[in-house]
Amino acid sequence: MESASKNFSRYFPVSVRDRKWGWYVTTVGEMRSLPGEPYPQAGHPKGFNFDWSEGRVLDCYALVYISHGRGTFESRQSAREPIEAGQVIFLFPGVWHRYRPNADTGWSEHWIGFDGDAARHWAKNKFFSPRTPVFKPGQEEKWLTLFTELITTIRLNRPALQQVMAGFAAQMMGQLYSGQQAGLAGDDQALLIVQKAITKMQAELERGLNAQSLARELKVSYSSFRHTFQQHTGSSPHQYLLELRLVRARNLLTETAHSVKEISQLAGFDDEHYFCRFFKLKLGVTPGQWRSRSQSKRKAS
C-alpha cells in the first residue's frame, strides 16, 4: 500500500505571554489516510495519539476538518455518527471521543488544537456544546484556504507566531458559528430577507423606520422576521436599529456642527429628549459631553 504523502504536524510549547493573550494553539496539522491504511498514523506525542479501541481525552479544544473521504465519530456526550467530507468535528477538553476513516475511502483531515481563557469563555457561555460536536458549515474553500495559509505561516516561523495562529483559530471558530447560526435561521431566502432589512436600515435611518413596518415592507410576519434576524445578528431588529442610530449620532456629533436636536432627527429618533436619555444610558455621557470630548481629542492629535 502506498504510504500517505504531504502530511504535516506541529505541536507547540505555550509561554506565559501566550497564556496572557487568552488564546493559544497547541497543535496544527493535516494528514491523508489512504484506504485500508492503519489509523491513526504513528508519530503523534502522548496526549494526542490514540487508537480506536481506547479512544482519547484531550486537555484542549480542537477542530478537525474533513476535506475528503468518509468515516465515523462518537464521544461520551454524543452518539456515534457518520462523518463525510465538508464536516468539522469540534472536540472539547475532558470529553472522551474517537474517530476514524472508513477502510474503503480513507480521508483527508486538517486540525488545529487550541485553548485559553477566551476559548473557555465561549464554551462557558454556550456558543457551542459537546452534545452537538459535528458541523456542516459550508464554504469549504474558506476552510481549505485558512489551513493552507496557517501551515504556510508556521513554516515561515513568523514573530509572535502563537498570536498569529490564535487569529486563525478565532477566524475558524467564527466561520463555524456563522454556519451554525445560518442553519438555525433558515434557508437562503431567510438570509436574503435579513440582508435586505439591514440595507434598508442603513439607508433610511432618518425616515423613522421601525421593525414592524420593515417586516411588512418585506412581506414577512414580524415573529418570523424577528427570529431570523436574531439568529443571524445576535440582536432583535429593534435593538439593531437603535444601535445603528446611535452610531450615526456619534459620527454626526463628531464630524458636523449640527445641533443635538438636528442630529436626533437625522439619526431617526422621534424625540430629542428620548435620544439624549438613550445616548447617556448607552455611553455614560450626554451628546454634548461626547462632542466636547471628541473635539478635544481631535485638537490634541
Protein backbone atom coordinates (compact mmCIF):
# COMPACT_ATOMS: atom_id res chain seq x y z
CA MET A 1 0.00 0.00 0.00
CA GLU A 2 1.32 3.42 -0.95
CA SER A 3 2.13 5.49 2.11
CA ALA A 4 0.41 8.80 2.74
CA SER A 5 2.18 11.90 1.48
CA LYS A 6 2.17 15.62 2.13
CA ASN A 7 1.43 15.13 5.83
CA PHE A 8 2.25 17.93 8.26
CA SER A 9 2.02 18.21 12.03
CA ARG A 10 3.40 20.55 14.68
CA TYR A 11 2.99 20.65 18.46
CA PHE A 12 3.71 23.93 20.21
CA PRO A 13 5.01 24.98 23.62
CA VAL A 14 2.97 27.63 25.41
CA SER A 15 4.65 30.56 27.17
CA VAL A 16 3.39 32.87 29.90
CA ARG A 17 2.87 35.55 27.23
CA ASP A 18 0.75 33.14 25.18
CA ARG A 19 -1.49 32.37 28.14
CA LYS A 20 -1.89 36.06 28.93
CA TRP A 21 -3.01 36.60 25.33
CA GLY A 22 -6.06 34.50 26.23
CA TRP A 23 -5.88 32.17 23.25
CA TYR A 24 -3.07 29.83 22.24
CA VAL A 25 -2.57 26.99 19.79
CA THR A 26 -1.29 23.56 20.86
CA THR A 27 -1.13 21.71 17.55
CA VAL A 28 -1.76 22.17 13.82
CA GLY A 29 -1.64 19.54 11.11
CA GLU A 30 -3.07 17.80 8.10
CA MET A 31 -2.95 14.17 7.09
CA ARG A 32 -4.09 11.97 4.21
CA SER A 33 -5.06 8.47 5.32
CA LEU A 34 -5.28 6.11 2.35
CA PRO A 35 -7.94 3.36 2.07
CA GLY A 36 -7.06 0.36 4.20
CA GLU A 37 -4.14 2.13 5.90
CA PRO A 38 -3.77 1.77 9.70
CA TYR A 39 -5.22 4.72 11.58
CA PRO A 40 -4.07 6.91 13.18
CA GLN A 41 -0.59 7.06 11.75
CA ALA A 42 2.33 6.95 14.16
CA GLY A 43 4.29 9.98 15.29
CA HIS A 44 1.84 11.92 17.45
CA PRO A 45 3.02 12.70 21.00
CA LYS A 46 1.42 11.38 24.16
CA GLY A 47 -1.84 13.14 24.86
CA PHE A 48 -2.73 13.44 21.17
CA ASN A 49 -2.24 9.89 19.87
CA PHE A 50 -4.95 7.25 20.32
CA ASP A 51 -6.38 4.06 18.90
CA TRP A 52 -10.00 3.20 18.17
CA SER A 53 -10.35 0.61 20.93
CA GLU A 54 -9.39 3.04 23.71
CA GLY A 55 -10.38 6.41 22.30
CA ARG A 56 -8.87 9.60 23.69
CA VAL A 57 -9.43 12.52 26.08
CA LEU A 58 -7.76 15.84 25.19
CA ASP A 59 -6.85 18.59 27.63
CA CYS A 60 -7.53 21.29 25.00
CA TYR A 61 -10.09 22.12 22.31
CA ALA A 62 -9.62 21.00 18.71
CA LEU A 63 -11.28 21.45 15.33
CA VAL A 64 -10.92 18.59 12.85
CA TYR A 65 -11.97 19.41 9.28
CA ILE A 66 -12.51 16.50 6.86
CA SER A 67 -11.91 17.59 3.26
CA HIS A 68 -12.07 14.18 1.56
CA GLY A 69 -13.46 10.72 2.31
CA ARG A 70 -15.82 9.39 4.97
CA GLY A 71 -15.59 7.98 8.47
CA THR A 72 -17.14 7.66 11.92
CA PHE A 73 -17.12 9.74 15.11
CA GLU A 74 -18.50 9.27 18.61
CA SER A 75 -17.98 10.80 22.03
CA ARG A 76 -19.12 10.35 25.61
CA GLN A 77 -21.71 13.10 25.12
CA SER A 78 -22.86 12.33 21.58
CA ALA A 79 -23.96 9.21 19.73
CA ARG A 80 -21.88 7.52 17.03
CA GLU A 81 -22.48 9.16 13.67
CA PRO A 82 -21.09 9.02 10.13
CA ILE A 83 -18.68 11.73 9.01
CA GLU A 84 -18.38 12.94 5.43
CA ALA A 85 -16.26 15.41 3.51
CA GLY A 86 -17.02 19.03 4.38
CA GLN A 87 -17.82 18.36 8.03
CA VAL A 88 -15.99 19.74 11.07
CA ILE A 89 -15.66 17.90 14.38
CA PHE A 90 -15.35 20.14 17.45
CA LEU A 91 -13.54 18.32 20.27
CA PHE A 92 -13.87 19.52 23.86
CA PRO A 93 -11.31 19.09 26.66
CA GLY A 94 -12.10 16.32 29.13
CA VAL A 95 -14.60 14.60 26.80
CA TRP A 96 -13.78 11.05 25.69
CA HIS A 97 -14.05 10.58 21.92
CA ARG A 98 -12.81 8.59 18.98
CA TYR A 99 -12.96 8.85 15.20
CA ARG A 100 -11.55 7.10 12.15
CA PRO A 101 -11.92 6.98 8.36
CA ASN A 102 -13.79 4.20 6.60
CA ALA A 103 -11.45 1.50 5.35
CA ASP A 104 -12.79 1.74 1.80
CA THR A 105 -12.39 5.51 1.43
CA GLY A 106 -9.74 6.78 3.82
CA TRP A 107 -9.90 10.52 4.40
CA SER A 108 -8.03 13.81 4.48
CA GLU A 109 -8.12 15.62 7.80
CA HIS A 110 -6.90 19.04 8.89
CA TRP A 111 -6.77 20.01 12.56
CA ILE A 112 -5.98 22.77 15.00
CA GLY A 113 -5.82 22.38 18.78
CA PHE A 114 -6.21 25.44 21.00
CA ASP A 115 -7.06 26.63 24.50
CA GLY A 116 -7.05 29.73 26.68
CA ASP A 117 -9.35 31.94 28.71
CA ALA A 118 -11.10 33.29 25.60
CA ALA A 119 -11.85 29.83 24.25
CA ARG A 120 -13.17 28.68 27.62
CA HIS A 121 -15.31 31.81 27.84
CA TRP A 122 -17.04 30.91 24.56
CA ALA A 123 -17.77 27.40 25.81
CA LYS A 124 -18.95 28.66 29.21
CA ASN A 125 -21.43 30.97 27.51
CA LYS A 126 -22.75 28.04 25.42
CA PHE A 127 -21.89 29.24 21.96
CA PHE A 128 -21.01 25.59 21.37
CA SER A 129 -21.85 22.35 23.17
CA PRO A 130 -20.10 18.96 23.37
CA ARG A 131 -23.53 17.42 22.83
CA THR A 132 -23.54 18.66 19.21
CA PRO A 133 -19.90 18.37 18.11
CA VAL A 134 -20.31 17.75 14.35
CA PHE A 135 -20.96 20.62 11.94
CA LYS A 136 -21.52 21.08 8.21
CA PRO A 137 -20.51 24.75 7.97
CA GLY A 138 -20.32 25.07 4.19
CA GLN A 139 -17.90 27.40 2.38
CA GLU A 140 -15.33 24.63 2.13
CA GLU A 141 -12.94 26.73 0.08
CA LYS A 142 -12.54 29.05 3.08
CA TRP A 143 -11.60 26.18 5.38
CA LEU A 144 -9.01 24.83 2.96
CA THR A 145 -7.62 28.32 2.40
CA LEU A 146 -7.36 29.00 6.13
CA PHE A 147 -5.48 25.77 6.81
CA THR A 148 -3.18 26.31 3.82
CA GLU A 149 -2.34 29.85 4.94
CA LEU A 150 -1.91 28.74 8.55
CA ILE A 151 0.56 26.00 7.65
CA THR A 152 2.47 28.38 5.37
CA THR A 153 2.69 30.85 8.27
CA ILE A 154 4.01 28.13 10.59
CA ARG A 155 6.69 27.10 8.10
CA LEU A 156 7.83 30.75 7.87
CA ASN A 157 8.00 30.88 11.70
CA ARG A 158 6.83 34.48 11.90
CA PRO A 159 7.50 36.57 15.05
CA ALA A 160 4.80 36.16 17.74
CA LEU A 161 3.73 33.01 15.93
CA GLN A 162 1.36 31.96 18.72
CA GLN A 163 -0.59 35.20 18.46
CA VAL A 164 -0.82 34.90 14.67
CA MET A 165 -2.01 31.28 14.95
CA ALA A 166 -4.56 32.31 17.57
CA GLY A 167 -6.03 34.67 14.98
CA PHE A 168 -6.50 31.77 12.57
CA ALA A 169 -8.17 29.71 15.30
CA ALA A 170 -10.56 32.55 16.15
CA GLN A 171 -11.44 33.00 12.48
CA MET A 172 -12.23 29.30 12.15
CA MET A 173 -14.44 29.44 15.23
CA GLY A 174 -16.22 32.44 13.73
CA GLN A 175 -16.81 30.53 10.50
CA LEU A 176 -18.13 27.58 12.47
CA TYR A 177 -20.51 29.73 14.49
CA SER A 178 -21.69 31.57 11.38
CA GLY A 179 -22.53 28.27 9.70
CA GLN A 180 -24.33 27.08 12.82
CA GLN A 181 -26.43 30.24 13.04
CA ALA A 182 -27.25 30.15 9.33
CA GLY A 183 -28.62 26.64 9.82
CA LEU A 184 -30.76 27.75 12.75
CA ALA A 185 -32.00 30.86 10.99
CA GLY A 186 -33.26 29.16 7.86
CA ASP A 187 -32.52 28.92 4.16
CA ASP A 188 -31.01 31.33 1.64
CA GLN A 189 -34.33 33.17 1.33
CA ALA A 190 -34.28 33.94 5.06
CA LEU A 191 -30.72 35.24 4.76
CA LEU A 192 -31.74 37.44 1.83
CA ILE A 193 -34.53 38.98 3.91
CA VAL A 194 -32.06 39.84 6.71
CA GLN A 195 -29.64 41.37 4.21
CA LYS A 196 -32.42 43.48 2.66
CA ALA A 197 -33.55 44.60 6.11
CA ILE A 198 -30.06 45.73 7.14
CA THR A 199 -29.58 47.58 3.84
CA LYS A 200 -32.88 49.43 4.37
CA MET A 201 -31.98 50.25 7.97
CA GLN A 202 -28.63 51.73 6.94
CA ALA A 203 -30.06 53.72 4.03
CA GLU A 204 -33.26 55.02 5.62
CA LEU A 205 -32.48 55.67 9.29
CA GLU A 206 -33.84 59.21 9.25
CA ARG A 207 -37.30 58.29 7.95
CA GLY A 208 -38.49 56.74 11.21
CA LEU A 209 -38.28 53.06 10.33
CA ASN A 210 -39.42 50.56 12.90
CA ALA A 211 -39.07 46.78 12.98
CA GLN A 212 -42.77 46.05 12.48
CA SER A 213 -43.13 48.30 9.43
CA LEU A 214 -39.94 46.83 8.00
CA ALA A 215 -41.36 43.31 8.28
CA ARG A 216 -44.50 44.48 6.44
CA GLU A 217 -42.40 46.01 3.65
CA LEU A 218 -40.50 42.74 3.29
CA LYS A 219 -43.82 40.81 3.25
CA VAL A 220 -42.99 38.51 6.18
CA SER A 221 -44.60 38.07 9.58
CA TYR A 222 -42.92 40.04 12.36
CA SER A 223 -42.42 36.96 14.56
CA SER A 224 -40.66 35.09 11.76
CA PHE A 225 -38.62 38.16 10.81
CA ARG A 226 -37.57 38.79 14.40
CA HIS A 227 -36.49 35.16 14.92
CA THR A 228 -34.47 35.02 11.70
CA PHE A 229 -32.85 38.41 12.34
CA GLN A 230 -31.91 37.44 15.90
CA GLN A 231 -30.26 34.22 14.75
CA HIS A 232 -28.19 35.99 12.10
CA THR A 233 -27.11 39.07 14.04
CA GLY A 234 -27.49 38.26 17.74
CA SER A 235 -29.82 41.26 18.16
CA SER A 236 -33.52 41.85 17.63
CA PRO A 237 -34.38 44.12 14.67
CA HIS A 238 -35.41 46.87 17.11
CA GLN A 239 -32.13 46.74 19.05
CA TYR A 240 -30.08 46.57 15.85
CA LEU A 241 -31.88 49.64 14.51
CA LEU A 242 -31.23 51.55 17.75
CA GLU A 243 -27.53 50.67 17.62
CA LEU A 244 -27.30 51.88 14.01
CA ARG A 245 -28.95 55.16 15.03
CA LEU A 246 -26.52 55.50 17.90
CA VAL A 247 -23.55 55.03 15.55
CA ARG A 248 -24.99 57.63 13.16
CA ALA A 249 -25.50 60.09 16.02
CA ARG A 250 -21.94 59.62 17.33
CA ASN A 251 -20.50 60.27 13.88
CA LEU A 252 -22.63 63.38 13.38
CA LEU A 253 -21.67 64.75 16.80
CA THR A 254 -18.00 64.28 15.97
CA GLU A 255 -17.96 65.39 12.34
CA THR A 256 -20.64 68.11 12.00
CA ALA A 257 -21.82 71.31 13.68
CA HIS A 258 -25.50 70.26 13.70
CA SER A 259 -27.41 70.88 16.91
CA VAL A 260 -28.33 67.97 19.16
CA LYS A 261 -31.95 68.34 18.06
CA GLU A 262 -30.99 68.17 14.38
CA ILE A 263 -28.77 65.16 15.00
CA SER A 264 -31.51 63.29 16.82
CA GLN A 265 -33.73 63.76 13.75
CA LEU A 266 -31.03 62.84 11.24
CA ALA A 267 -30.33 59.64 13.20
CA GLY A 268 -34.01 58.72 13.15
CA PHE A 269 -35.00 59.44 16.75
CA ASP A 270 -38.51 60.87 17.01
CA ASP A 271 -37.90 62.70 20.27
CA GLU A 272 -34.83 64.73 21.24
CA HIS A 273 -35.28 64.04 24.97
CA TYR A 274 -35.55 60.29 24.43
CA PHE A 275 -32.43 60.46 22.24
CA CYS A 276 -30.45 62.23 24.99
CA ARG A 277 -31.60 59.77 27.66
CA PHE A 278 -30.82 56.75 25.46
CA PHE A 279 -27.42 58.17 24.46
CA LYS A 280 -26.38 58.66 28.09
CA LEU A 281 -27.73 55.25 29.11
CA LYS A 282 -25.64 53.50 26.44
CA LEU A 283 -22.47 55.61 26.54
CA GLY A 284 -22.42 57.13 30.01
CA VAL A 285 -22.22 60.74 28.76
CA THR A 286 -24.64 63.22 27.19
CA PRO A 287 -24.44 64.02 23.45
CA GLY A 288 -22.92 67.40 24.33
CA GLN A 289 -20.24 65.80 26.50
CA TRP A 290 -19.45 63.29 23.75
CA ARG A 291 -18.99 66.12 21.25
CA SER A 292 -16.72 68.07 23.62
CA ARG A 293 -14.53 65.03 24.28
CA SER A 294 -14.30 64.20 20.57
CA GLN A 295 -13.29 67.74 19.68
CA SER A 296 -10.66 67.79 22.45
CA LYS A 297 -9.14 64.56 21.16
CA ARG A 298 -9.01 65.92 17.62
CA LYS A 299 -7.21 69.07 18.77
CA ALA A 300 -4.76 67.03 20.82
CA SER A 301 -3.89 64.85 17.82
